[in-house]
Amino acid sequence: VPFLFTVKSLLAKGNGSEFKPGFTWGGEFNVPSYRTGGFLDPKGRGMYSGYDQAVALPALQADGKEGQEELFKESNKVFDIGKGAIEMEVNKVNAELGEIGGVFVSKQPS
């Protein structure tokens, strides 16, 4: 299963001015699609490489009318940028090493 974690353009805001246990912060960020132009779906279709459509789909375009919207949705590959959100909480602070530890919850489209 492909997994991409990113926080591009994250502007996080918190409830205080220093990192200490209990400090929480978070915000929204941009999520690029993991399906880049070179990504091929299981039927070999891609944005700029691979097949235009799956082998079993040509019957949908036989009359040029019905089925065209469904065929387009199935075969059209796009690079989407969505919105994600993250919330973080500090549980430990190691001032000597300049490190913090804690938990985070992130929600982003796949």
N, C-alpha and C. Protein backbone atom coordinates (compact mmCIF):
# COMPACT_ATOMS: atom_id res chain seq x y z
N VAL A 1 0.85 -1.18 0.00
CA VAL A 1 0.00 0.00 0.00
C VAL A 1 0.89 1.24 0.00
N PRO A 2 0.76 2.11 -1.00
CA PRO A 2 1.56 3.34 -1.01
C PRO A 2 1.18 4.23 0.17
N PHE A 3 2.17 4.83 0.80
CA PHE A 3 1.91 5.73 1.91
C PHE A 3 2.79 6.96 1.75
N LEU A 4 2.17 8.11 1.75
CA LEU A 4 2.90 9.37 1.64
C LEU A 4 2.46 10.26 2.78
N PHE A 5 3.41 10.73 3.56
CA PHE A 5 3.09 11.66 4.64
C PHE A 5 3.81 12.96 4.35
N THR A 6 3.08 14.04 4.34
CA THR A 6 3.67 15.34 4.07
C THR A 6 2.92 16.42 4.83
N VAL A 7 3.59 17.52 5.10
CA VAL A 7 2.95 18.69 5.71
C VAL A 7 3.38 19.95 4.95
N LYS A 8 3.28 19.90 3.63
CA LYS A 8 3.67 21.03 2.80
C LYS A 8 2.79 22.24 3.11
N SER A 9 3.42 23.39 3.26
CA SER A 9 2.73 24.66 3.53
C SER A 9 1.95 24.63 4.84
N LEU A 10 2.45 23.89 5.82
CA LEU A 10 1.80 23.84 7.14
C LEU A 10 2.05 25.15 7.88
N LEU A 11 1.00 25.76 8.35
CA LEU A 11 1.10 26.92 9.23
C LEU A 11 0.45 26.49 10.54
N ALA A 12 1.28 25.99 11.47
CA ALA A 12 0.78 25.46 12.73
C ALA A 12 0.69 26.56 13.77
N LYS A 13 -0.40 26.55 14.52
CA LYS A 13 -0.61 27.51 15.60
C LYS A 13 -0.88 26.73 16.88
N GLY A 14 -0.39 27.28 18.00
CA GLY A 14 -0.53 26.58 19.27
C GLY A 14 -1.14 27.42 20.36
N ASN A 15 -1.27 26.79 21.53
CA ASN A 15 -1.90 27.43 22.67
C ASN A 15 -0.89 27.85 23.72
N GLY A 16 0.16 28.48 23.33
CA GLY A 16 1.20 28.92 24.25
C GLY A 16 2.41 29.41 23.49
N SER A 17 3.46 29.73 24.23
CA SER A 17 4.65 30.27 23.58
C SER A 17 5.90 29.41 23.78
N GLU A 18 5.77 28.26 24.49
CA GLU A 18 6.93 27.41 24.69
C GLU A 18 6.53 25.93 24.62
N PHE A 19 7.50 25.12 24.17
CA PHE A 19 7.28 23.68 24.12
C PHE A 19 7.43 23.11 25.53
N LYS A 20 6.37 22.59 26.06
CA LYS A 20 6.37 21.92 27.36
C LYS A 20 5.28 20.86 27.32
N PRO A 21 5.35 19.86 28.21
CA PRO A 21 4.32 18.83 28.20
C PRO A 21 2.91 19.44 28.28
N GLY A 22 2.04 18.96 27.39
CA GLY A 22 0.68 19.49 27.33
C GLY A 22 0.48 20.52 26.23
N PHE A 23 1.59 21.06 25.67
CA PHE A 23 1.48 22.06 24.60
C PHE A 23 0.88 21.38 23.36
N THR A 24 -0.15 21.98 22.81
CA THR A 24 -0.78 21.45 21.59
C THR A 24 -0.75 22.50 20.50
N TRP A 25 -0.61 22.01 19.29
CA TRP A 25 -0.65 22.90 18.14
C TRP A 25 -1.04 22.10 16.91
N GLY A 26 -1.40 22.82 15.87
CA GLY A 26 -1.79 22.15 14.64
C GLY A 26 -2.19 23.14 13.57
N GLY A 27 -2.65 22.62 12.45
CA GLY A 27 -3.06 23.46 11.34
C GLY A 27 -3.36 22.65 10.10
N GLU A 28 -3.63 23.36 9.02
CA GLU A 28 -3.92 22.73 7.74
C GLU A 28 -2.70 22.80 6.83
N PHE A 29 -2.63 21.88 5.85
CA PHE A 29 -1.50 21.85 4.93
C PHE A 29 -1.96 21.28 3.59
N ASN A 30 -1.11 21.43 2.58
CA ASN A 30 -1.39 20.91 1.24
C ASN A 30 -0.91 19.47 1.13
N VAL A 31 -1.70 18.64 0.46
CA VAL A 31 -1.37 17.23 0.27
C VAL A 31 -1.30 16.94 -1.23
N PRO A 32 -0.09 16.74 -1.76
CA PRO A 32 0.00 16.37 -3.18
C PRO A 32 -0.43 14.92 -3.38
N SER A 33 -0.92 14.64 -4.54
CA SER A 33 -1.33 13.28 -4.86
C SER A 33 -0.11 12.37 -4.94
N TYR A 34 -0.21 11.17 -4.40
CA TYR A 34 0.89 10.22 -4.56
C TYR A 34 0.85 9.63 -5.96
N ARG A 35 -0.24 9.84 -6.67
CA ARG A 35 -0.36 9.35 -8.05
C ARG A 35 0.17 10.41 -9.01
N THR A 36 1.46 10.43 -9.15
CA THR A 36 2.08 11.38 -10.07
C THR A 36 1.84 10.94 -11.51
N GLY A 37 2.32 11.70 -12.46
CA GLY A 37 2.10 11.40 -13.86
C GLY A 37 2.58 10.03 -14.28
N GLY A 38 3.59 9.50 -13.63
CA GLY A 38 4.13 8.21 -13.99
C GLY A 38 3.44 7.03 -13.31
N PHE A 39 2.47 7.31 -12.44
CA PHE A 39 1.77 6.25 -11.73
C PHE A 39 0.86 5.49 -12.70
N LEU A 40 0.96 4.18 -12.70
CA LEU A 40 0.07 3.34 -13.51
C LEU A 40 -0.87 2.58 -12.59
N ASP A 41 -2.17 2.63 -12.91
CA ASP A 41 -3.12 1.86 -12.11
C ASP A 41 -3.00 0.37 -12.46
N PRO A 42 -3.73 -0.50 -11.77
CA PRO A 42 -3.59 -1.94 -12.05
C PRO A 42 -3.91 -2.35 -13.48
N LYS A 43 -4.61 -1.51 -14.22
CA LYS A 43 -4.94 -1.83 -15.62
C LYS A 43 -3.95 -1.19 -16.60
N GLY A 44 -2.87 -0.61 -16.07
CA GLY A 44 -1.84 -0.05 -16.93
C GLY A 44 -2.12 1.34 -17.47
N ARG A 45 -3.08 2.07 -16.87
CA ARG A 45 -3.41 3.41 -17.33
C ARG A 45 -2.67 4.45 -16.49
N GLY A 46 -2.21 5.50 -17.12
CA GLY A 46 -1.51 6.57 -16.41
C GLY A 46 -1.80 7.92 -17.02
N MET A 47 -1.24 8.96 -16.41
CA MET A 47 -1.46 10.32 -16.89
C MET A 47 -0.71 10.56 -18.20
N TYR A 48 0.57 10.19 -18.26
CA TYR A 48 1.33 10.40 -19.49
C TYR A 48 2.01 9.14 -19.99
N SER A 49 1.78 8.01 -19.33
CA SER A 49 2.31 6.75 -19.82
C SER A 49 1.26 5.67 -19.64
N GLY A 50 1.47 4.54 -20.25
CA GLY A 50 0.52 3.45 -20.13
C GLY A 50 -0.55 3.52 -21.21
N TYR A 51 -1.63 2.78 -20.98
CA TYR A 51 -2.74 2.72 -21.94
C TYR A 51 -3.72 3.86 -21.72
N ASP A 52 -4.47 4.21 -22.78
CA ASP A 52 -5.51 5.24 -22.65
C ASP A 52 -6.69 4.72 -21.85
N GLN A 53 -7.01 3.45 -22.03
CA GLN A 53 -8.16 2.88 -21.33
C GLN A 53 -7.93 1.38 -21.14
N ALA A 54 -8.74 0.82 -20.25
CA ALA A 54 -8.63 -0.62 -20.00
C ALA A 54 -9.22 -1.38 -21.19
N VAL A 55 -8.76 -2.57 -21.43
CA VAL A 55 -9.16 -3.36 -22.59
C VAL A 55 -10.66 -3.64 -22.61
N ALA A 56 -11.29 -3.82 -21.46
CA ALA A 56 -12.71 -4.17 -21.43
C ALA A 56 -13.64 -2.98 -21.61
N LEU A 57 -13.13 -1.78 -21.68
CA LEU A 57 -13.99 -0.60 -21.73
C LEU A 57 -14.40 -0.10 -23.12
N PRO A 58 -13.79 -0.51 -24.24
CA PRO A 58 -14.18 0.06 -25.53
C PRO A 58 -15.65 -0.08 -25.86
N ALA A 59 -16.34 -1.09 -25.35
CA ALA A 59 -17.76 -1.25 -25.63
C ALA A 59 -18.57 -0.06 -25.12
N LEU A 60 -18.10 0.61 -24.08
CA LEU A 60 -18.80 1.77 -23.56
C LEU A 60 -18.80 2.94 -24.54
N GLN A 61 -17.82 3.00 -25.40
CA GLN A 61 -17.75 4.13 -26.32
C GLN A 61 -18.27 3.80 -27.72
N ALA A 62 -18.88 2.64 -27.88
CA ALA A 62 -19.31 2.18 -29.21
C ALA A 62 -20.25 3.17 -29.89
N ASP A 63 -21.24 3.72 -29.16
CA ASP A 63 -22.18 4.62 -29.81
C ASP A 63 -21.78 6.09 -29.67
N GLY A 64 -20.77 6.38 -28.88
CA GLY A 64 -20.32 7.75 -28.70
C GLY A 64 -21.21 8.60 -27.83
N LYS A 65 -22.21 8.02 -27.22
CA LYS A 65 -23.15 8.79 -26.39
C LYS A 65 -23.17 8.25 -24.97
N GLU A 66 -23.94 7.18 -24.77
CA GLU A 66 -24.08 6.64 -23.42
C GLU A 66 -22.77 6.03 -22.95
N GLY A 67 -22.50 6.20 -21.69
CA GLY A 67 -21.29 5.62 -21.12
C GLY A 67 -20.05 6.49 -21.22
N GLN A 68 -20.14 7.60 -21.95
CA GLN A 68 -18.95 8.43 -22.13
C GLN A 68 -18.47 9.06 -20.82
N GLU A 69 -19.41 9.52 -19.99
CA GLU A 69 -19.02 10.14 -18.72
C GLU A 69 -18.38 9.10 -17.79
N GLU A 70 -18.96 7.92 -17.74
CA GLU A 70 -18.41 6.85 -16.91
C GLU A 70 -17.02 6.43 -17.41
N LEU A 71 -16.88 6.34 -18.73
CA LEU A 71 -15.59 5.99 -19.33
C LEU A 71 -14.54 7.04 -19.01
N PHE A 72 -14.93 8.33 -19.08
CA PHE A 72 -13.99 9.42 -18.79
C PHE A 72 -13.53 9.35 -17.33
N LYS A 73 -14.48 9.16 -16.41
CA LYS A 73 -14.12 9.09 -14.99
C LYS A 73 -13.18 7.92 -14.72
N GLU A 74 -13.41 6.80 -15.38
CA GLU A 74 -12.59 5.61 -15.17
C GLU A 74 -11.18 5.76 -15.73
N SER A 75 -11.05 6.44 -16.85
CA SER A 75 -9.77 6.50 -17.56
C SER A 75 -8.97 7.77 -17.34
N ASN A 76 -9.61 8.87 -16.94
CA ASN A 76 -8.91 10.14 -16.80
C ASN A 76 -8.09 10.17 -15.51
N LYS A 77 -6.79 10.34 -15.63
CA LYS A 77 -5.90 10.39 -14.47
C LYS A 77 -5.46 11.84 -14.27
N VAL A 78 -5.58 12.34 -13.05
CA VAL A 78 -5.23 13.73 -12.75
C VAL A 78 -4.32 13.77 -11.52
N PHE A 79 -3.59 14.85 -11.40
CA PHE A 79 -2.74 15.09 -10.23
C PHE A 79 -3.48 16.08 -9.34
N ASP A 80 -4.08 15.58 -8.26
CA ASP A 80 -4.86 16.42 -7.36
C ASP A 80 -4.01 16.89 -6.19
N ILE A 81 -4.31 18.09 -5.72
CA ILE A 81 -3.72 18.59 -4.48
C ILE A 81 -4.87 18.84 -3.53
N GLY A 82 -4.87 18.14 -2.41
CA GLY A 82 -5.95 18.27 -1.44
C GLY A 82 -5.51 19.00 -0.20
N LYS A 83 -6.40 19.07 0.78
CA LYS A 83 -6.11 19.71 2.06
C LYS A 83 -6.07 18.66 3.16
N GLY A 84 -5.12 18.80 4.04
CA GLY A 84 -5.01 17.92 5.20
C GLY A 84 -4.97 18.75 6.47
N ALA A 85 -5.07 18.09 7.60
CA ALA A 85 -5.01 18.77 8.89
C ALA A 85 -4.23 17.90 9.86
N ILE A 86 -3.53 18.55 10.79
CA ILE A 86 -2.73 17.82 11.78
C ILE A 86 -2.88 18.49 13.15
N GLU A 87 -2.91 17.67 14.18
CA GLU A 87 -2.90 18.14 15.56
C GLU A 87 -1.77 17.42 16.28
N MET A 88 -0.99 18.15 17.03
CA MET A 88 0.16 17.57 17.73
C MET A 88 0.14 17.97 19.21
N GLU A 89 0.67 17.11 20.07
CA GLU A 89 0.77 17.41 21.50
C GLU A 89 2.12 16.96 22.02
N VAL A 90 2.79 17.83 22.77
CA VAL A 90 4.09 17.53 23.37
C VAL A 90 3.88 16.73 24.65
N ASN A 91 4.63 15.60 24.76
CA ASN A 91 4.59 14.80 25.98
C ASN A 91 5.89 14.89 26.77
N LYS A 92 7.01 15.05 26.05
CA LYS A 92 8.32 15.13 26.70
C LYS A 92 9.17 16.20 26.04
N VAL A 93 10.02 16.82 26.84
CA VAL A 93 10.96 17.82 26.32
C VAL A 93 12.34 17.48 26.84
N ASN A 94 13.32 17.43 25.92
CA ASN A 94 14.72 17.22 26.30
C ASN A 94 15.46 18.49 25.87
N ALA A 95 15.53 19.45 26.80
CA ALA A 95 16.14 20.75 26.50
C ALA A 95 17.63 20.61 26.17
N GLU A 96 18.30 19.66 26.80
CA GLU A 96 19.73 19.47 26.56
C GLU A 96 20.01 19.11 25.10
N LEU A 97 19.18 18.25 24.53
CA LEU A 97 19.36 17.85 23.13
C LEU A 97 18.53 18.69 22.16
N GLY A 98 17.64 19.53 22.69
CA GLY A 98 16.78 20.34 21.83
C GLY A 98 15.73 19.50 21.12
N GLU A 99 15.24 18.45 21.81
CA GLU A 99 14.27 17.55 21.21
C GLU A 99 12.96 17.58 21.98
N ILE A 100 11.89 17.33 21.23
CA ILE A 100 10.58 17.17 21.85
C ILE A 100 10.02 15.83 21.40
N GLY A 101 9.13 15.26 22.19
CA GLY A 101 8.45 14.03 21.84
C GLY A 101 6.98 14.18 22.13
N GLY A 102 6.18 13.44 21.40
CA GLY A 102 4.74 13.53 21.63
C GLY A 102 3.97 12.70 20.64
N VAL A 103 2.72 13.06 20.48
CA VAL A 103 1.83 12.33 19.58
C VAL A 103 1.24 13.31 18.57
N PHE A 104 0.85 12.76 17.42
CA PHE A 104 0.16 13.58 16.45
C PHE A 104 -0.92 12.76 15.76
N VAL A 105 -1.92 13.47 15.29
CA VAL A 105 -3.00 12.88 14.50
C VAL A 105 -3.08 13.70 13.23
N SER A 106 -3.00 13.02 12.10
CA SER A 106 -3.05 13.69 10.81
C SER A 106 -4.16 13.09 9.97
N LYS A 107 -4.89 13.94 9.28
CA LYS A 107 -5.94 13.49 8.39
C LYS A 107 -5.67 14.10 7.02
N GLN A 108 -5.59 13.25 6.00
CA GLN A 108 -5.33 13.76 4.66
C GLN A 108 -5.96 12.84 3.63
N PRO A 109 -6.33 13.41 2.50
CA PRO A 109 -6.91 12.56 1.44
C PRO A 109 -5.88 11.62 0.86
N SER A 110 -6.35 10.50 0.32
CA SER A 110 -5.43 9.56 -0.29
C SER A 110 -5.65 9.50 -1.79
